[in-house]
N, C-alpha and C. Protein backbone atom coordinates (compact mmCIF):
# COMPACT_ATOMS: atom_id res chain seq x y z
N MET A 1 0.85 -1.18 0.00
CA MET A 1 0.00 0.00 0.00
C MET A 1 0.89 1.24 0.00
N ASN A 2 0.65 2.19 -0.91
CA ASN A 2 1.49 3.38 -0.96
C ASN A 2 1.00 4.40 0.06
N ASN A 3 1.77 5.47 0.24
CA ASN A 3 1.44 6.47 1.26
C ASN A 3 0.11 7.16 0.99
N THR A 4 -0.20 7.39 -0.27
CA THR A 4 -1.47 8.04 -0.59
C THR A 4 -2.64 7.19 -0.13
N SER A 5 -2.58 5.90 -0.39
CA SER A 5 -3.66 5.02 0.03
C SER A 5 -3.77 4.95 1.55
N ALA A 6 -2.63 4.92 2.22
CA ALA A 6 -2.64 4.88 3.68
C ALA A 6 -3.25 6.15 4.24
N THR A 7 -2.89 7.30 3.67
CA THR A 7 -3.44 8.57 4.15
C THR A 7 -4.94 8.63 3.91
N THR A 8 -5.36 8.24 2.73
CA THR A 8 -6.78 8.23 2.42
C THR A 8 -7.54 7.31 3.36
N GLY A 9 -6.98 6.14 3.62
CA GLY A 9 -7.61 5.20 4.54
C GLY A 9 -7.71 5.76 5.94
N ASP A 10 -6.67 6.44 6.41
CA ASP A 10 -6.68 7.05 7.74
C ASP A 10 -7.77 8.12 7.83
N ASN A 11 -7.86 8.95 6.79
CA ASN A 11 -8.90 9.99 6.78
C ASN A 11 -10.29 9.37 6.79
N HIS A 12 -10.45 8.31 6.05
CA HIS A 12 -11.75 7.64 5.99
C HIS A 12 -12.13 7.09 7.38
N ARG A 13 -11.20 6.46 8.03
CA ARG A 13 -11.48 5.92 9.36
C ARG A 13 -11.81 7.05 10.34
N ASP A 14 -11.10 8.17 10.24
CA ASP A 14 -11.37 9.28 11.12
C ASP A 14 -12.79 9.81 10.91
N LEU A 15 -13.19 9.98 9.67
CA LEU A 15 -14.52 10.50 9.37
C LEU A 15 -15.62 9.54 9.79
N VAL A 16 -15.36 8.27 9.68
CA VAL A 16 -16.35 7.27 10.07
C VAL A 16 -16.68 7.36 11.55
N ASP A 17 -15.72 7.78 12.34
CA ASP A 17 -15.92 7.86 13.79
C ASP A 17 -16.61 9.14 14.24
N ILE A 18 -16.80 10.08 13.35
CA ILE A 18 -17.38 11.37 13.71
C ILE A 18 -18.89 11.35 13.43
N PRO A 19 -19.72 11.68 14.43
CA PRO A 19 -21.17 11.71 14.20
C PRO A 19 -21.55 12.76 13.14
N SER A 20 -22.57 12.48 12.38
CA SER A 20 -22.98 13.37 11.29
C SER A 20 -23.27 14.78 11.78
N VAL A 21 -23.87 14.93 12.95
CA VAL A 21 -24.18 16.27 13.45
C VAL A 21 -22.89 17.08 13.64
N GLU A 22 -21.81 16.41 14.02
CA GLU A 22 -20.54 17.12 14.20
C GLU A 22 -19.94 17.50 12.85
N VAL A 23 -20.05 16.64 11.86
CA VAL A 23 -19.55 16.96 10.53
C VAL A 23 -20.30 18.16 9.97
N ILE A 24 -21.62 18.15 10.10
CA ILE A 24 -22.44 19.26 9.60
C ILE A 24 -22.10 20.54 10.36
N SER A 25 -21.97 20.44 11.68
CA SER A 25 -21.64 21.62 12.49
C SER A 25 -20.28 22.19 12.12
N ARG A 26 -19.30 21.32 11.91
CA ARG A 26 -17.97 21.78 11.51
C ARG A 26 -18.01 22.49 10.17
N ALA A 27 -18.76 21.93 9.23
CA ALA A 27 -18.90 22.56 7.92
C ALA A 27 -19.55 23.94 8.06
N ALA A 28 -20.58 24.03 8.90
CA ALA A 28 -21.26 25.31 9.12
C ALA A 28 -20.32 26.34 9.72
N VAL A 29 -19.53 25.93 10.70
CA VAL A 29 -18.58 26.85 11.34
C VAL A 29 -17.53 27.31 10.33
N LEU A 30 -17.06 26.41 9.49
CA LEU A 30 -16.09 26.78 8.47
C LEU A 30 -16.69 27.81 7.50
N LEU A 31 -17.92 27.57 7.06
CA LEU A 31 -18.58 28.52 6.16
C LEU A 31 -18.81 29.86 6.85
N MET A 32 -19.21 29.84 8.12
CA MET A 32 -19.42 31.08 8.88
C MET A 32 -18.13 31.87 9.00
N SER A 33 -17.06 31.18 9.35
CA SER A 33 -15.77 31.85 9.53
C SER A 33 -15.29 32.46 8.21
N ALA A 34 -15.40 31.72 7.14
CA ALA A 34 -14.97 32.22 5.84
C ALA A 34 -15.82 33.42 5.41
N ALA A 35 -17.12 33.36 5.64
CA ALA A 35 -17.99 34.48 5.28
C ALA A 35 -17.66 35.72 6.11
N ALA A 36 -17.41 35.54 7.39
CA ALA A 36 -17.04 36.67 8.26
C ALA A 36 -15.75 37.31 7.76
N GLU A 37 -14.78 36.49 7.37
CA GLU A 37 -13.53 37.03 6.82
C GLU A 37 -13.81 37.84 5.57
N ARG A 38 -14.65 37.30 4.67
CA ARG A 38 -14.95 37.99 3.41
C ARG A 38 -15.78 39.25 3.63
N LEU A 39 -16.47 39.34 4.75
CA LEU A 39 -17.18 40.58 5.10
C LEU A 39 -16.25 41.58 5.77
N GLY A 40 -15.03 41.15 6.07
CA GLY A 40 -14.06 42.03 6.71
C GLY A 40 -14.23 42.12 8.22
N LEU A 41 -15.03 41.23 8.80
CA LEU A 41 -15.37 41.33 10.22
C LEU A 41 -14.20 40.98 11.14
N SER A 42 -13.14 40.41 10.62
CA SER A 42 -12.00 40.08 11.47
C SER A 42 -11.05 41.26 11.63
N ASP A 43 -11.28 42.32 10.88
CA ASP A 43 -10.44 43.51 10.96
C ASP A 43 -11.09 44.59 11.81
N ALA A 44 -10.27 45.47 12.35
CA ALA A 44 -10.78 46.55 13.19
C ALA A 44 -11.78 47.42 12.44
N ASP A 45 -11.51 47.66 11.16
CA ASP A 45 -12.42 48.45 10.33
C ASP A 45 -12.82 47.62 9.12
N PRO A 46 -13.97 46.95 9.20
CA PRO A 46 -14.39 46.09 8.08
C PRO A 46 -14.45 46.81 6.73
N ASP A 47 -14.76 48.11 6.75
CA ASP A 47 -14.89 48.86 5.49
C ASP A 47 -13.58 48.97 4.73
N THR A 48 -12.45 48.91 5.45
CA THR A 48 -11.16 49.03 4.79
C THR A 48 -10.39 47.71 4.78
N SER A 49 -11.04 46.65 5.14
CA SER A 49 -10.38 45.34 5.20
C SER A 49 -9.89 44.91 3.82
N PRO A 50 -8.64 44.47 3.73
CA PRO A 50 -8.16 43.94 2.45
C PRO A 50 -8.79 42.59 2.11
N HIS A 51 -9.48 41.99 3.07
CA HIS A 51 -10.11 40.69 2.86
C HIS A 51 -11.56 40.79 2.40
N ARG A 52 -12.10 42.00 2.43
CA ARG A 52 -13.52 42.17 2.10
C ARG A 52 -13.75 41.85 0.63
N ASP A 53 -14.71 40.97 0.40
CA ASP A 53 -15.11 40.59 -0.95
C ASP A 53 -16.57 40.14 -0.85
N LEU A 54 -17.47 41.05 -1.14
CA LEU A 54 -18.90 40.77 -0.95
C LEU A 54 -19.44 39.70 -1.89
N ASP A 55 -18.86 39.57 -3.07
CA ASP A 55 -19.30 38.50 -3.98
C ASP A 55 -18.99 37.14 -3.36
N GLU A 56 -17.78 37.00 -2.83
CA GLU A 56 -17.40 35.74 -2.17
C GLU A 56 -18.25 35.52 -0.92
N ALA A 57 -18.48 36.57 -0.15
CA ALA A 57 -19.29 36.46 1.07
C ALA A 57 -20.70 35.99 0.72
N ARG A 58 -21.27 36.52 -0.36
CA ARG A 58 -22.61 36.11 -0.80
C ARG A 58 -22.66 34.61 -1.06
N ARG A 59 -21.66 34.10 -1.75
CA ARG A 59 -21.63 32.67 -2.08
C ARG A 59 -21.54 31.81 -0.81
N LEU A 60 -20.67 32.22 0.09
CA LEU A 60 -20.49 31.47 1.33
C LEU A 60 -21.73 31.49 2.20
N ILE A 61 -22.37 32.64 2.31
CA ILE A 61 -23.58 32.76 3.12
C ILE A 61 -24.71 31.95 2.52
N THR A 62 -24.82 31.98 1.20
CA THR A 62 -25.86 31.18 0.53
C THR A 62 -25.62 29.69 0.74
N ALA A 63 -24.37 29.26 0.64
CA ALA A 63 -24.04 27.84 0.88
C ALA A 63 -24.38 27.47 2.32
N LEU A 64 -24.05 28.34 3.26
CA LEU A 64 -24.37 28.09 4.67
C LEU A 64 -25.88 27.99 4.87
N ALA A 65 -26.62 28.89 4.26
CA ALA A 65 -28.09 28.87 4.40
C ALA A 65 -28.66 27.57 3.85
N GLY A 66 -28.14 27.10 2.73
CA GLY A 66 -28.61 25.83 2.16
C GLY A 66 -28.30 24.66 3.08
N LEU A 67 -27.10 24.65 3.62
CA LEU A 67 -26.70 23.58 4.54
C LEU A 67 -27.58 23.59 5.79
N VAL A 68 -27.76 24.74 6.37
CA VAL A 68 -28.55 24.85 7.61
C VAL A 68 -30.00 24.45 7.35
N THR A 69 -30.58 24.95 6.27
CA THR A 69 -31.97 24.64 5.96
C THR A 69 -32.16 23.15 5.72
N ALA A 70 -31.23 22.55 4.99
CA ALA A 70 -31.35 21.12 4.66
C ALA A 70 -31.10 20.21 5.86
N SER A 71 -30.35 20.69 6.84
CA SER A 71 -29.96 19.80 7.94
C SER A 71 -30.49 20.22 9.30
N VAL A 72 -31.34 21.22 9.37
CA VAL A 72 -31.79 21.74 10.66
C VAL A 72 -32.43 20.66 11.54
N GLU A 73 -33.15 19.72 10.95
CA GLU A 73 -33.81 18.69 11.75
C GLU A 73 -32.82 17.75 12.43
N TYR A 74 -31.58 17.70 11.92
CA TYR A 74 -30.57 16.81 12.50
C TYR A 74 -29.66 17.50 13.51
N LEU A 75 -29.72 18.83 13.57
CA LEU A 75 -28.77 19.58 14.38
C LEU A 75 -29.12 19.66 15.86
N GLY A 76 -30.36 19.38 16.20
CA GLY A 76 -30.77 19.41 17.61
C GLY A 76 -30.41 20.73 18.27
N PRO A 77 -29.72 20.68 19.43
CA PRO A 77 -29.40 21.91 20.15
C PRO A 77 -28.39 22.79 19.42
N HIS A 78 -27.75 22.27 18.39
CA HIS A 78 -26.79 23.07 17.62
C HIS A 78 -27.50 23.99 16.63
N ALA A 79 -28.75 23.71 16.32
CA ALA A 79 -29.46 24.46 15.29
C ALA A 79 -29.60 25.94 15.61
N ALA A 80 -30.03 26.27 16.82
CA ALA A 80 -30.29 27.68 17.17
C ALA A 80 -29.04 28.55 17.04
N PRO A 81 -27.89 28.17 17.63
CA PRO A 81 -26.73 29.04 17.49
C PRO A 81 -26.22 29.14 16.05
N ILE A 82 -26.35 28.08 15.29
CA ILE A 82 -25.92 28.14 13.89
C ILE A 82 -26.86 29.05 13.10
N ARG A 83 -28.14 28.94 13.35
CA ARG A 83 -29.10 29.82 12.68
C ARG A 83 -28.87 31.28 13.06
N ASP A 84 -28.58 31.53 14.35
CA ASP A 84 -28.29 32.90 14.80
C ASP A 84 -27.06 33.45 14.10
N GLY A 85 -26.02 32.61 13.97
CA GLY A 85 -24.81 33.04 13.28
C GLY A 85 -25.09 33.36 11.82
N LEU A 86 -25.89 32.54 11.18
CA LEU A 86 -26.27 32.78 9.78
C LEU A 86 -27.00 34.11 9.65
N GLN A 87 -27.97 34.35 10.50
CA GLN A 87 -28.72 35.61 10.43
C GLN A 87 -27.83 36.81 10.69
N SER A 88 -26.88 36.68 11.59
CA SER A 88 -25.93 37.77 11.86
C SER A 88 -25.10 38.08 10.61
N LEU A 89 -24.67 37.04 9.92
CA LEU A 89 -23.91 37.24 8.69
C LEU A 89 -24.78 37.87 7.60
N GLN A 90 -26.02 37.43 7.51
CA GLN A 90 -26.93 38.02 6.52
C GLN A 90 -27.15 39.50 6.80
N ARG A 91 -27.32 39.86 8.06
CA ARG A 91 -27.48 41.27 8.43
C ARG A 91 -26.21 42.07 8.15
N ALA A 92 -25.07 41.49 8.50
CA ALA A 92 -23.80 42.17 8.25
C ALA A 92 -23.58 42.39 6.76
N PHE A 93 -23.98 41.43 5.95
CA PHE A 93 -23.88 41.58 4.50
C PHE A 93 -24.74 42.75 4.03
N ARG A 94 -25.97 42.80 4.52
CA ARG A 94 -26.88 43.87 4.12
C ARG A 94 -26.31 45.23 4.51
N GLU A 95 -25.75 45.31 5.72
CA GLU A 95 -25.17 46.58 6.19
C GLU A 95 -23.92 46.96 5.41
N ALA A 96 -23.17 45.98 4.94
CA ALA A 96 -21.93 46.24 4.20
C ALA A 96 -22.19 46.62 2.74
N SER A 97 -23.36 46.31 2.24
CA SER A 97 -23.67 46.54 0.82
C SER A 97 -23.99 48.00 0.56
N ALA A 98 -23.36 48.54 -0.48
CA ALA A 98 -23.65 49.92 -0.87
C ALA A 98 -25.09 50.04 -1.35
N PHE A 99 -25.58 49.01 -2.01
CA PHE A 99 -26.96 48.96 -2.49
C PHE A 99 -27.57 47.66 -1.98
N PRO A 100 -28.11 47.67 -0.77
CA PRO A 100 -28.64 46.43 -0.17
C PRO A 100 -29.71 45.77 -1.03
N ASP A 101 -29.70 44.45 -1.02
CA ASP A 101 -30.73 43.68 -1.72
C ASP A 101 -32.08 43.93 -1.07
N ASP A 102 -33.13 43.78 -1.86
CA ASP A 102 -34.47 43.84 -1.29
C ASP A 102 -34.65 42.68 -0.33
N PRO A 103 -35.50 42.84 0.71
CA PRO A 103 -35.77 41.72 1.62
C PRO A 103 -36.19 40.48 0.82
N GLY A 104 -35.58 39.36 1.16
CA GLY A 104 -35.86 38.11 0.47
C GLY A 104 -34.92 37.84 -0.70
N GLN A 105 -34.10 38.83 -1.07
CA GLN A 105 -33.19 38.69 -2.21
C GLN A 105 -31.72 38.62 -1.78
N GLY A 106 -31.45 38.76 -0.50
CA GLY A 106 -30.08 38.74 0.01
C GLY A 106 -29.52 37.34 -0.01
N PRO A 107 -28.24 37.22 0.35
CA PRO A 107 -27.61 35.90 0.32
C PRO A 107 -28.29 34.89 1.23
N GLY A 108 -28.67 33.78 0.65
CA GLY A 108 -29.29 32.69 1.41
C GLY A 108 -30.75 32.89 1.74
N GLU A 109 -31.30 34.04 1.43
CA GLU A 109 -32.69 34.31 1.81
C GLU A 109 -33.70 33.50 1.02
N LYS A 110 -33.29 32.92 -0.10
CA LYS A 110 -34.23 32.02 -0.81
C LYS A 110 -34.43 30.76 0.00
N PHE A 111 -33.50 30.46 0.93
CA PHE A 111 -33.62 29.30 1.81
C PHE A 111 -34.20 29.66 3.17
N THR A 112 -33.87 30.83 3.68
CA THR A 112 -34.24 31.20 5.04
C THR A 112 -35.44 32.13 5.14
N GLY A 113 -35.79 32.76 4.04
CA GLY A 113 -36.79 33.81 4.08
C GLY A 113 -36.10 35.14 4.35
N PRO A 114 -36.84 36.23 4.24
CA PRO A 114 -36.25 37.56 4.41
C PRO A 114 -35.63 37.77 5.79
N VAL A 115 -34.50 38.43 5.80
CA VAL A 115 -33.84 38.80 7.04
C VAL A 115 -33.82 40.32 7.10
N HIS A 116 -34.36 40.87 8.15
CA HIS A 116 -34.43 42.32 8.30
C HIS A 116 -33.42 42.79 9.32
N THR A 117 -32.89 43.98 9.13
CA THR A 117 -31.97 44.53 10.13
C THR A 117 -32.78 44.95 11.35
N ALA A 118 -32.13 44.87 12.49
CA ALA A 118 -32.82 45.17 13.74
C ALA A 118 -33.02 46.64 13.95
């Protein structure tokens, strides 16, 4: 067996031992973190962040919304905080946009419904 096969086998065994809710939660956290970075939220001034890219943020937030919507019944107690994080990102996106989308047209809102700013 070559090293590539051994590595692939090790990864497979590791994933087999992880409950699906944890895999889904990890994926959601990764998408949330990446979206926050693309919104510039990791910098002191998001408006001048060199990482800000609203097109990329839109894609990540939409992917997160699809994942959350499709898997909410399996997330149990993890669902509420993940949903809250998603809504926070959707609001941050709306606030960061020079021309905000109409309610229901923002990133992921085709899955979650309209998100309004507080």
